[in-house]
Amino acid sequence: MVAQHIKTLESWAGSTLFERMSQGGRLTTLGNAVVEDFGDAFDQFGEAVIKLRGGPGSRQERIAVLPSIAQLWLSHRLPGLREIEADTTISITALDRAPNRL
């Protein structure tokens, strides 16, 4: 399923972001060039969501993401988030389709 999301992302971007190999894959030069920018953008998005939900003191956060985002981006940041927000319950939902836009 992750491979399908990656192919969809590459199709949407019009560029190859991953080199496929027999034992998985790795980011292309372009993928490496944008991965930090996307990480920063998702971090800023998360901060904006916290502000929208009432700022510090919120005790429950819900995150809905595509499985590829959950696996490739969120999974690496979740332990740090849980450490920083130790009093917050974090709920993650993996969606087959992109979440509705506001």
Protein backbone atom coordinates (compact mmCIF):
# COMPACT_ATOMS: atom_id res chain seq x y z
CA MET A 1 0.00 0.00 0.00
CA VAL A 2 2.85 2.42 0.75
CA ALA A 3 4.26 1.79 -2.73
CA GLN A 4 0.93 2.85 -4.23
CA HIS A 5 0.96 6.11 -2.27
CA ILE A 6 4.52 6.80 -3.36
CA LYS A 7 3.59 6.20 -7.01
CA THR A 8 0.60 8.52 -6.62
CA LEU A 9 2.82 11.20 -5.08
CA GLU A 10 5.37 10.83 -7.87
CA SER A 11 2.63 11.01 -10.50
CA TRP A 12 1.20 14.13 -8.89
CA ALA A 13 4.67 15.73 -8.63
CA GLY A 14 5.64 14.66 -12.15
CA SER A 15 9.00 13.47 -10.83
CA THR A 16 10.62 10.30 -9.53
CA LEU A 17 11.29 10.68 -5.82
CA PHE A 18 12.45 7.13 -5.01
CA GLU A 19 14.82 4.69 -6.68
CA ARG A 20 13.34 1.21 -6.44
CA MET A 21 15.69 -1.65 -5.64
CA SER A 22 15.20 -5.33 -4.83
CA GLN A 23 15.58 -4.59 -1.11
CA GLY A 24 13.36 -1.51 -0.88
CA GLY A 25 14.28 1.90 -2.19
CA ARG A 26 16.05 5.16 -1.52
CA LEU A 27 15.36 8.80 -2.22
CA THR A 28 16.51 10.26 -5.51
CA THR A 29 18.50 13.49 -5.59
CA LEU A 30 15.22 15.40 -5.94
CA GLY A 31 13.65 13.41 -3.09
CA ASN A 32 16.60 14.27 -0.84
CA ALA A 33 16.34 17.92 -1.89
CA VAL A 34 12.71 18.23 -0.76
CA VAL A 35 12.41 15.83 2.19
CA GLU A 36 13.57 18.39 4.77
CA ASP A 37 11.26 21.06 3.31
CA PHE A 38 8.29 18.71 3.59
CA GLY A 39 9.30 17.76 7.14
CA ASP A 40 9.44 21.44 8.09
CA ALA A 41 6.07 22.06 6.43
CA PHE A 42 4.45 19.20 8.33
CA ASP A 43 5.99 20.48 11.58
CA GLN A 44 4.53 23.95 10.93
CA PHE A 45 1.19 22.40 10.05
CA GLY A 46 1.22 20.52 13.36
CA GLU A 47 1.97 23.72 15.27
CA ALA A 48 -0.91 25.48 13.51
CA VAL A 49 -3.26 22.65 14.44
CA ILE A 50 -2.24 22.98 18.10
CA LYS A 51 -3.02 26.70 17.97
CA LEU A 52 -6.40 26.02 16.38
CA ARG A 53 -7.30 23.50 19.07
CA GLY A 54 -6.67 25.84 21.95
CA GLY A 55 -2.91 25.79 22.36
CA PRO A 56 -1.08 24.21 25.26
CA GLY A 57 -3.21 22.36 27.75
CA SER A 58 -5.07 20.31 25.19
CA ARG A 59 -5.08 16.74 26.40
CA GLN A 60 -6.06 14.87 23.25
CA GLU A 61 -4.73 15.22 19.73
CA ARG A 62 -5.98 13.34 16.69
CA ILE A 63 -3.80 12.91 13.62
CA ALA A 64 -5.24 11.57 10.35
CA VAL A 65 -2.69 10.81 7.63
CA LEU A 66 -2.07 8.64 4.63
CA PRO A 67 -0.22 5.42 5.54
CA SER A 68 2.89 6.52 3.63
CA ILE A 69 3.08 9.76 5.65
CA ALA A 70 2.54 7.83 8.88
CA GLN A 71 5.30 5.37 8.05
CA LEU A 72 7.88 7.56 6.33
CA TRP A 73 7.51 10.83 8.22
CA LEU A 74 5.40 10.57 11.36
CA SER A 75 6.85 7.36 12.79
CA HIS A 76 10.26 9.02 13.19
CA ARG A 77 8.82 12.06 14.97
CA LEU A 78 6.22 10.38 17.17
CA PRO A 79 8.54 9.38 20.04
CA GLY A 80 9.78 12.98 20.35
CA LEU A 81 6.24 14.31 20.18
CA ARG A 82 5.11 11.93 22.91
CA GLU A 83 8.07 12.98 25.06
CA ILE A 84 7.29 16.68 24.64
CA GLU A 85 3.54 16.17 25.08
CA ALA A 86 3.66 13.54 27.82
CA ASP A 87 0.26 14.60 29.22
CA THR A 88 -1.44 14.47 25.82
CA THR A 89 -3.16 11.44 24.34
CA ILE A 90 -2.20 11.14 20.69
CA SER A 91 -4.53 9.24 18.37
CA ILE A 92 -3.34 8.37 14.85
CA THR A 93 -5.61 7.23 12.04
CA ALA A 94 -4.23 5.99 8.73
CA LEU A 95 -6.58 6.85 5.86
CA ASP A 96 -6.85 5.25 2.43
CA ARG A 97 -7.63 8.65 0.92
CA ALA A 98 -6.30 12.10 1.69
CA PRO A 99 -8.19 13.80 4.54
CA ASN A 100 -10.86 16.34 3.61
CA ARG A 101 -9.57 19.84 3.14
CA LEU A 102 -11.04 22.81 4.98
